[in-house]
């Protein structure tokens, strides 16, 4: 298995949709980043259906929140933003 340079690896995964979603969200809604991160952690802990019921939202909204939170974490991990 060939060894890939760290910069090449980061460049290749930075060109993903998850990274793009995280970058877009952080750039356009910086005031909501902490909230979406906290909510995504709650969804992971509670489970999608239970969190959606507790928040009185559709499961699709809960899934979108979870994915956005994951994307933000992915983006900030690669970009070095906290």
PDB file of N, CA and C in Angstrom:
ATOM      1  N   UNK A   1       0.853  -1.173   0.000  1.00  0.00           N
ATOM      2  CA  UNK A   1       0.000   0.000   0.000  1.00  0.00           C
ATOM      3  C   UNK A   1       0.901   1.239   0.000  1.00  0.00           C
ATOM      4  N   UNK A   2       0.716   2.116  -0.977  1.00  0.00           N
ATOM      5  CA  UNK A   2       1.589   3.281  -1.056  1.00  0.00           C
ATOM      6  C   UNK A   2       1.335   4.267   0.083  1.00  0.00           C
ATOM      7  N   UNK A   3       2.392   4.925   0.512  1.00  0.00           N
ATOM      8  CA  UNK A   3       2.292   5.929   1.555  1.00  0.00           C
ATOM      9  C   UNK A   3       1.941   7.261   0.892  1.00  0.00           C
ATOM     10  N   UNK A   4       0.924   7.907   1.408  1.00  0.00           N
ATOM     11  CA  UNK A   4       0.474   9.183   0.869  1.00  0.00           C
ATOM     12  C   UNK A   4       0.948  10.293   1.793  1.00  0.00           C
ATOM     13  N   UNK A   5       1.509  11.336   1.204  1.00  0.00           N
ATOM     14  CA  UNK A   5       1.968  12.470   2.000  1.00  0.00           C
ATOM     15  C   UNK A   5       0.773  13.109   2.710  1.00  0.00           C
ATOM     16  N   UNK A   6       1.041  13.628   3.893  1.00  0.00           N
ATOM     17  CA  UNK A   6      -0.019  14.241   4.703  1.00  0.00           C
ATOM     18  C   UNK A   6      -0.750  15.328   3.918  1.00  0.00           C
ATOM     19  N   UNK A   7      -0.011  16.164   3.213  1.00  0.00           N
ATOM     20  CA  UNK A   7      -0.626  17.255   2.451  1.00  0.00           C
ATOM     21  C   UNK A   7      -1.532  16.715   1.346  1.00  0.00           C
ATOM     22  N   UNK A   8      -1.106  15.643   0.693  1.00  0.00           N
ATOM     23  CA  UNK A   8      -1.922  15.040  -0.362  1.00  0.00           C
ATOM     24  C   UNK A   8      -3.215  14.465   0.216  1.00  0.00           C
ATOM     25  N   UNK A   9      -3.097  13.817   1.353  1.00  0.00           N
ATOM     26  CA  UNK A   9      -4.276  13.244   1.998  1.00  0.00           C
ATOM     27  C   UNK A   9      -5.267  14.337   2.367  1.00  0.00           C
ATOM     28  N   UNK A  10      -4.789  15.396   3.006  1.00  0.00           N
ATOM     29  CA  UNK A  10      -5.671  16.493   3.407  1.00  0.00           C
ATOM     30  C   UNK A  10      -6.295  17.144   2.183  1.00  0.00           C
ATOM     31  N   UNK A  11      -5.505  17.349   1.130  1.00  0.00           N
ATOM     32  CA  UNK A  11      -6.049  17.924  -0.105  1.00  0.00           C
ATOM     33  C   UNK A  11      -7.150  17.045  -0.686  1.00  0.00           C
ATOM     34  N   UNK A  12      -6.944  15.740  -0.670  1.00  0.00           N
ATOM     35  CA  UNK A  12      -7.932  14.846  -1.272  1.00  0.00           C
ATOM     36  C   UNK A  12      -9.231  14.799  -0.472  1.00  0.00           C
ATOM     37  N   UNK A  13      -9.147  14.786   0.847  1.00  0.00           N
ATOM     38  CA  UNK A  13     -10.383  14.740   1.633  1.00  0.00           C
ATOM     39  C   UNK A  13     -11.011  16.116   1.799  1.00  0.00           C
ATOM     40  N   UNK A  14     -10.234  17.169   1.565  1.00  0.00           N
ATOM     41  CA  UNK A  14     -10.792  18.521   1.594  1.00  0.00           C
ATOM     42  C   UNK A  14     -11.679  18.773   0.385  1.00  0.00           C
ATOM     43  N   UNK A  15     -11.580  17.898  -0.595  1.00  0.00           N
ATOM     44  CA  UNK A  15     -12.370  18.042  -1.810  1.00  0.00           C
ATOM     45  C   UNK A  15     -13.636  17.188  -1.735  1.00  0.00           C
ATOM     46  N   UNK A  16     -14.140  16.978  -0.525  1.00  0.00           N
ATOM     47  CA  UNK A  16     -15.331  16.150  -0.348  1.00  0.00           C
ATOM     48  C   UNK A  16     -16.550  17.023  -0.067  1.00  0.00           C
ATOM     49  N   UNK A  17     -17.719  16.443  -0.251  1.00  0.00           N
ATOM     50  CA  UNK A  17     -18.947  17.185   0.019  1.00  0.00           C
ATOM     51  C   UNK A  17     -19.124  17.468   1.504  1.00  0.00           C
ATOM     52  N   UNK A  18     -18.707  16.534   2.354  1.00  0.00           N
ATOM     53  CA  UNK A  18     -18.838  16.751   3.788  1.00  0.00           C
ATOM     54  C   UNK A  18     -18.011  17.968   4.212  1.00  0.00           C
ATOM     55  N   UNK A  19     -16.792  18.066   3.696  1.00  0.00           N
ATOM     56  CA  UNK A  19     -15.927  19.213   3.983  1.00  0.00           C
ATOM     57  C   UNK A  19     -16.579  20.498   3.477  1.00  0.00           C
ATOM     58  N   UNK A  20     -17.123  20.453   2.261  1.00  0.00           N
ATOM     59  CA  UNK A  20     -17.755  21.632   1.662  1.00  0.00           C
ATOM     60  C   UNK A  20     -18.966  22.096   2.467  1.00  0.00           C
ATOM     61  N   UNK A  21     -19.767  21.139   2.937  1.00  0.00           N
ATOM     62  CA  UNK A  21     -20.927  21.491   3.760  1.00  0.00           C
ATOM     63  C   UNK A  21     -20.471  22.169   5.045  1.00  0.00           C
ATOM     64  N   UNK A  22     -19.461  21.614   5.682  1.00  0.00           N
ATOM     65  CA  UNK A  22     -18.938  22.204   6.916  1.00  0.00           C
ATOM     66  C   UNK A  22     -18.370  23.598   6.692  1.00  0.00           C
ATOM     67  N   UNK A  23     -17.616  23.763   5.617  1.00  0.00           N
ATOM     68  CA  UNK A  23     -17.024  25.068   5.307  1.00  0.00           C
ATOM     69  C   UNK A  23     -18.118  26.095   5.034  1.00  0.00           C
ATOM     70  N   UNK A  24     -19.106  25.707   4.240  1.00  0.00           N
ATOM     71  CA  UNK A  24     -20.200  26.618   3.913  1.00  0.00           C
ATOM     72  C   UNK A  24     -20.958  27.041   5.171  1.00  0.00           C
ATOM     73  N   UNK A  25     -21.277  26.068   6.012  1.00  0.00           N
ATOM     74  CA  UNK A  25     -22.034  26.385   7.225  1.00  0.00           C
ATOM     75  C   UNK A  25     -21.232  27.310   8.127  1.00  0.00           C
ATOM     76  N   UNK A  26     -19.951  27.016   8.334  1.00  0.00           N
ATOM     77  CA  UNK A  26     -19.114  27.853   9.203  1.00  0.00           C
ATOM     78  C   UNK A  26     -18.968  29.265   8.655  1.00  0.00           C
ATOM     79  N   UNK A  27     -18.868  29.385   7.341  1.00  0.00           N
ATOM     80  CA  UNK A  27     -18.708  30.699   6.713  1.00  0.00           C
ATOM     81  C   UNK A  27     -19.993  31.516   6.722  1.00  0.00           C
ATOM     82  N   UNK A  28     -21.127  30.858   6.520  1.00  0.00           N
ATOM     83  CA  UNK A  28     -22.381  31.602   6.399  1.00  0.00           C
ATOM     84  C   UNK A  28     -23.147  31.745   7.714  1.00  0.00           C
ATOM     85  N   UNK A  29     -22.890  30.854   8.667  1.00  0.00           N
ATOM     86  CA  UNK A  29     -23.617  30.894   9.945  1.00  0.00           C
ATOM     87  C   UNK A  29     -22.675  30.725  11.144  1.00  0.00           C
ATOM     88  N   UNK A  30     -21.649  31.559  11.247  1.00  0.00           N
ATOM     89  CA  UNK A  30     -20.696  31.370  12.358  1.00  0.00           C
ATOM     90  C   UNK A  30     -21.355  31.466  13.732  1.00  0.00           C
ATOM     91  N   UNK A  31     -22.448  32.200  13.820  1.00  0.00           N
ATOM     92  CA  UNK A  31     -23.136  32.368  15.093  1.00  0.00           C
ATOM     93  C   UNK A  31     -23.895  31.105  15.513  1.00  0.00           C
ATOM     94  N   UNK A  32     -24.089  30.176  14.586  1.00  0.00           N
ATOM     95  CA  UNK A  32     -24.832  28.949  14.891  1.00  0.00           C
ATOM     96  C   UNK A  32     -23.950  27.710  15.054  1.00  0.00           C
ATOM     97  N   UNK A  33     -22.660  27.870  14.831  1.00  0.00           N
ATOM     98  CA  UNK A  33     -21.754  26.713  14.855  1.00  0.00           C
ATOM     99  C   UNK A  33     -21.805  25.982  16.192  1.00  0.00           C
ATOM    100  N   UNK A  34     -21.682  26.711  17.284  1.00  0.00           N
ATOM    101  CA  UNK A  34     -21.684  26.064  18.610  1.00  0.00           C
ATOM    102  C   UNK A  34     -23.008  25.347  18.875  1.00  0.00           C
ATOM    103  N   UNK A  35     -24.114  25.952  18.462  1.00  0.00           N
ATOM    104  CA  UNK A  35     -25.425  25.334  18.661  1.00  0.00           C
ATOM    105  C   UNK A  35     -25.564  24.031  17.882  1.00  0.00           C
ATOM    106  N   UNK A  36     -25.176  24.051  16.606  1.00  0.00           N
ATOM    107  CA  UNK A  36     -25.323  22.842  15.791  1.00  0.00           C
ATOM    108  C   UNK A  36     -24.379  21.742  16.287  1.00  0.00           C
ATOM    109  N   UNK A  37     -23.212  22.131  16.773  1.00  0.00           N
ATOM    110  CA  UNK A  37     -22.302  21.124  17.342  1.00  0.00           C
ATOM    111  C   UNK A  37     -22.912  20.495  18.591  1.00  0.00           C
ATOM    112  N   UNK A  38     -23.465  21.311  19.457  1.00  0.00           N
ATOM    113  CA  UNK A  38     -24.084  20.792  20.684  1.00  0.00           C
ATOM    114  C   UNK A  38     -25.278  19.906  20.355  1.00  0.00           C
ATOM    115  N   UNK A  39     -26.093  20.329  19.413  1.00  0.00           N
ATOM    116  CA  UNK A  39     -27.258  19.533  19.038  1.00  0.00           C
ATOM    117  C   UNK A  39     -26.849  18.206  18.419  1.00  0.00           C
ATOM    118  N   UNK A  40     -25.802  18.206  17.600  1.00  0.00           N
ATOM    119  CA  UNK A  40     -25.382  16.941  16.975  1.00  0.00           C
ATOM    120  C   UNK A  40     -24.841  15.965  18.020  1.00  0.00           C
ATOM    121  N   UNK A  41     -24.176  16.483  19.032  1.00  0.00           N
ATOM    122  CA  UNK A  41     -23.694  15.624  20.120  1.00  0.00           C
ATOM    123  C   UNK A  41     -24.886  15.036  20.876  1.00  0.00           C
ATOM    124  N   UNK A  42     -25.913  15.847  21.111  1.00  0.00           N
ATOM    125  CA  UNK A  42     -27.127  15.352  21.773  1.00  0.00           C
ATOM    126  C   UNK A  42     -27.803  14.262  20.945  1.00  0.00           C
ATOM    127  N   UNK A  43     -27.849  14.472  19.625  1.00  0.00           N
ATOM    128  CA  UNK A  43     -28.474  13.475  18.755  1.00  0.00           C
ATOM    129  C   UNK A  43     -27.712  12.164  18.824  1.00  0.00           C
ATOM    130  N   UNK A  44     -26.397  12.241  18.829  1.00  0.00           N
ATOM    131  CA  UNK A  44     -25.586  11.020  18.941  1.00  0.00           C
ATOM    132  C   UNK A  44     -25.867  10.309  20.258  1.00  0.00           C
ATOM    133  N   UNK A  45     -25.995  11.062  21.316  1.00  0.00           N
ATOM    134  CA  UNK A  45     -26.217  10.469  22.638  1.00  0.00           C
ATOM    135  C   UNK A  45     -27.630   9.903  22.784  1.00  0.00           C
ATOM    136  N   UNK A  46     -28.632  10.645  22.306  1.00  0.00           N
ATOM    137  CA  UNK A  46     -30.034  10.256  22.478  1.00  0.00           C
ATOM    138  C   UNK A  46     -30.522   9.271  21.423  1.00  0.00           C
ATOM    139  N   UNK A  47     -29.962   9.370  20.244  1.00  0.00           N
ATOM    140  CA  UNK A  47     -30.491   8.643  19.100  1.00  0.00           C
ATOM    141  C   UNK A  47     -31.376   9.579  18.298  1.00  0.00           C
ATOM    142  N   UNK A  48     -31.409   9.363  17.020  1.00  0.00           N
ATOM    143  CA  UNK A  48     -32.103  10.258  16.099  1.00  0.00           C
ATOM    144  C   UNK A  48     -33.597  10.397  16.418  1.00  0.00           C
ATOM    145  N   UNK A  49     -34.291   9.276  16.523  1.00  0.00           N
ATOM    146  CA  UNK A  49     -35.742   9.314  16.743  1.00  0.00           C
ATOM    147  C   UNK A  49     -36.085   9.924  18.099  1.00  0.00           C
ATOM    148  N   UNK A  50     -35.362   9.543  19.130  1.00  0.00           N
ATOM    149  CA  UNK A  50     -35.653  10.056  20.471  1.00  0.00           C
ATOM    150  C   UNK A  50     -35.406  11.563  20.543  1.00  0.00           C
ATOM    151  N   UNK A  51     -34.287  12.025  19.944  1.00  0.00           N
ATOM    152  CA  UNK A  51     -33.983  13.451  19.950  1.00  0.00           C
ATOM    153  C   UNK A  51     -35.046  14.233  19.181  1.00  0.00           C
ATOM    154  N   UNK A  52     -35.445  13.718  18.027  1.00  0.00           N
ATOM    155  CA  UNK A  52     -36.464  14.391  17.211  1.00  0.00           C
ATOM    156  C   UNK A  52     -37.777  14.507  17.992  1.00  0.00           C
ATOM    157  N   UNK A  53     -38.165  13.439  18.658  1.00  0.00           N
ATOM    158  CA  UNK A  53     -39.406  13.469  19.443  1.00  0.00           C
ATOM    159  C   UNK A  53     -39.296  14.470  20.587  1.00  0.00           C
ATOM    160  N   UNK A  54     -38.161  14.460  21.281  1.00  0.00           N
ATOM    161  CA  UNK A  54     -37.950  15.369  22.402  1.00  0.00           C
ATOM    162  C   UNK A  54     -37.979  16.836  21.943  1.00  0.00           C
ATOM    163  N   UNK A  55     -37.433  17.097  20.767  1.00  0.00           N
ATOM    164  CA  UNK A  55     -37.385  18.463  20.236  1.00  0.00           C
ATOM    165  C   UNK A  55     -38.647  18.836  19.448  1.00  0.00           C
ATOM    166  N   UNK A  56     -39.519  17.855  19.255  1.00  0.00           N
ATOM    167  CA  UNK A  56     -40.762  18.053  18.494  1.00  0.00           C
ATOM    168  C   UNK A  56     -40.474  18.508  17.067  1.00  0.00           C
ATOM    169  N   UNK A  57     -39.516  17.795  16.436  1.00  0.00           N
ATOM    170  CA  UNK A  57     -39.178  18.046  15.034  1.00  0.00           C
ATOM    171  C   UNK A  57     -39.234  16.723  14.287  1.00  0.00           C
ATOM    172  N   UNK A  58     -39.327  16.815  12.994  1.00  0.00           N
ATOM    173  CA  UNK A  58     -39.336  15.643  12.138  1.00  0.00           C
ATOM    174  C   UNK A  58     -37.956  14.975  12.181  1.00  0.00           C
ATOM    175  N   UNK A  59     -37.922  13.673  12.003  1.00  0.00           N
ATOM    176  CA  UNK A  59     -36.641  12.961  11.998  1.00  0.00           C
ATOM    177  C   UNK A  59     -35.717  13.436  10.880  1.00  0.00           C
ATOM    178  N   UNK A  60     -36.293  13.909   9.788  1.00  0.00           N
ATOM    179  CA  UNK A  60     -35.467  14.440   8.696  1.00  0.00           C
ATOM    180  C   UNK A  60     -34.707  15.684   9.153  1.00  0.00           C
ATOM    181  N   UNK A  61     -35.321  16.505   9.972  1.00  0.00           N
ATOM    182  CA  UNK A  61     -34.658  17.690  10.526  1.00  0.00           C
ATOM    183  C   UNK A  61     -33.532  17.257  11.462  1.00  0.00           C
ATOM    184  N   UNK A  62     -33.798  16.256  12.265  1.00  0.00           N
ATOM    185  CA  UNK A  62     -32.775  15.740  13.173  1.00  0.00           C
ATOM    186  C   UNK A  62     -31.585  15.178  12.387  1.00  0.00           C
ATOM    187  N   UNK A  63     -31.870  14.461  11.313  1.00  0.00           N
ATOM    188  CA  UNK A  63     -30.792  13.912  10.486  1.00  0.00           C
ATOM    189  C   UNK A  63     -29.977  15.025   9.842  1.00  0.00           C
ATOM    190  N   UNK A  64     -30.642  16.043   9.349  1.00  0.00           N
ATOM    191  CA  UNK A  64     -29.946  17.171   8.735  1.00  0.00           C
ATOM    192  C   UNK A  64     -29.065  17.876   9.767  1.00  0.00           C
ATOM    193  N   UNK A  65     -29.554  18.041  10.974  1.00  0.00           N
ATOM    194  CA  UNK A  65     -28.772  18.662  12.046  1.00  0.00           C
ATOM    195  C   UNK A  65     -27.554  17.815  12.382  1.00  0.00           C
ATOM    196  N   UNK A  66     -27.747  16.511  12.469  1.00  0.00           N
ATOM    197  CA  UNK A  66     -26.643  15.606  12.753  1.00  0.00           C
ATOM    198  C   UNK A  66     -25.577  15.678  11.666  1.00  0.00           C
ATOM    199  N   UNK A  67     -25.981  15.615  10.425  1.00  0.00           N
ATOM    200  CA  UNK A  67     -25.025  15.648   9.318  1.00  0.00           C
ATOM    201  C   UNK A  67     -24.308  16.991   9.272  1.00  0.00           C
ATOM    202  N   UNK A  68     -25.024  18.067   9.521  1.00  0.00           N
ATOM    203  CA  UNK A  68     -24.383  19.383   9.540  1.00  0.00           C
ATOM    204  C   UNK A  68     -23.351  19.454  10.652  1.00  0.00           C
ATOM    205  N   UNK A  69     -23.689  18.944  11.813  1.00  0.00           N
ATOM    206  CA  UNK A  69     -22.731  18.917  12.921  1.00  0.00           C
ATOM    207  C   UNK A  69     -21.503  18.091  12.596  1.00  0.00           C
ATOM    208  N   UNK A  70     -21.708  16.948  11.975  1.00  0.00           N
ATOM    209  CA  UNK A  70     -20.570  16.118  11.572  1.00  0.00           C
ATOM    210  C   UNK A  70     -19.710  16.834  10.537  1.00  0.00           C
ATOM    211  N   UNK A  71     -20.366  17.518   9.602  1.00  0.00           N
ATOM    212  CA  UNK A  71     -19.636  18.254   8.572  1.00  0.00           C
ATOM    213  C   UNK A  71     -18.817  19.387   9.179  1.00  0.00           C
ATOM    214  N   UNK A  72     -19.393  20.083  10.138  1.00  0.00           N
ATOM    215  CA  UNK A  72     -18.672  21.169  10.808  1.00  0.00           C
ATOM    216  C   UNK A  72     -17.466  20.612  11.559  1.00  0.00           C
ATOM    217  N   UNK A  73     -17.651  19.503  12.248  1.00  0.00           N
ATOM    218  CA  UNK A  73     -16.514  18.887  12.955  1.00  0.00           C
ATOM    219  C   UNK A  73     -15.424  18.452  11.991  1.00  0.00           C
ATOM    220  N   UNK A  74     -15.828  17.859  10.880  1.00  0.00           N
ATOM    221  CA  UNK A  74     -14.882  17.412   9.860  1.00  0.00           C
ATOM    222  C   UNK A  74     -14.108  18.602   9.296  1.00  0.00           C
ATOM    223  N   UNK A  75     -14.822  19.643   8.926  1.00  0.00           N
ATOM    224  CA  UNK A  75     -14.195  20.842   8.371  1.00  0.00           C
ATOM    225  C   UNK A  75     -13.232  21.473   9.371  1.00  0.00           C
ATOM    226  N   UNK A  76     -13.683  21.676  10.606  1.00  0.00           N
ATOM    227  CA  UNK A  76     -12.821  22.342  11.581  1.00  0.00           C
ATOM    228  C   UNK A  76     -11.604  21.505  11.953  1.00  0.00           C
ATOM    229  N   UNK A  77     -11.750  20.193  11.932  1.00  0.00           N
ATOM    230  CA  UNK A  77     -10.605  19.316  12.204  1.00  0.00           C
ATOM    231  C   UNK A  77      -9.549  19.452  11.125  1.00  0.00           C
ATOM    232  N   UNK A  78      -9.985  19.494   9.875  1.00  0.00           N
ATOM    233  CA  UNK A  78      -9.032  19.604   8.780  1.00  0.00           C
ATOM    234  C   UNK A  78      -8.486  21.012   8.595  1.00  0.00           C
ATOM    235  N   UNK A  79      -9.348  21.996   8.817  1.00  0.00           N
ATOM    236  CA  UNK A  79      -8.930  23.386   8.617  1.00  0.00           C
ATOM    237  C   UNK A  79      -8.148  23.929   9.807  1.00  0.00           C
ATOM    238  N   UNK A  80      -8.221  23.208  10.930  1.00  0.00           N
ATOM    239  CA  UNK A  80      -7.497  23.660  12.117  1.00  0.00           C
ATOM    240  C   UNK A  80      -8.219  24.753  12.873  1.00  0.00           C
ATOM    241  N   UNK A  81      -9.514  24.887  12.646  1.00  0.00           N
ATOM    242  CA  UNK A  81     -10.325  25.873  13.365  1.00  0.00           C
ATOM    243  C   UNK A  81     -10.988  25.195  14.545  1.00  0.00           C
ATOM    244  N   UNK A  82     -11.109  25.897  15.625  1.00  0.00           N
ATOM    245  CA  UNK A  82     -11.778  25.307  16.784  1.00  0.00           C
ATOM    246  C   UNK A  82     -13.041  26.018  17.119  1.00  0.00           C
TER     247      UNK A  82
END
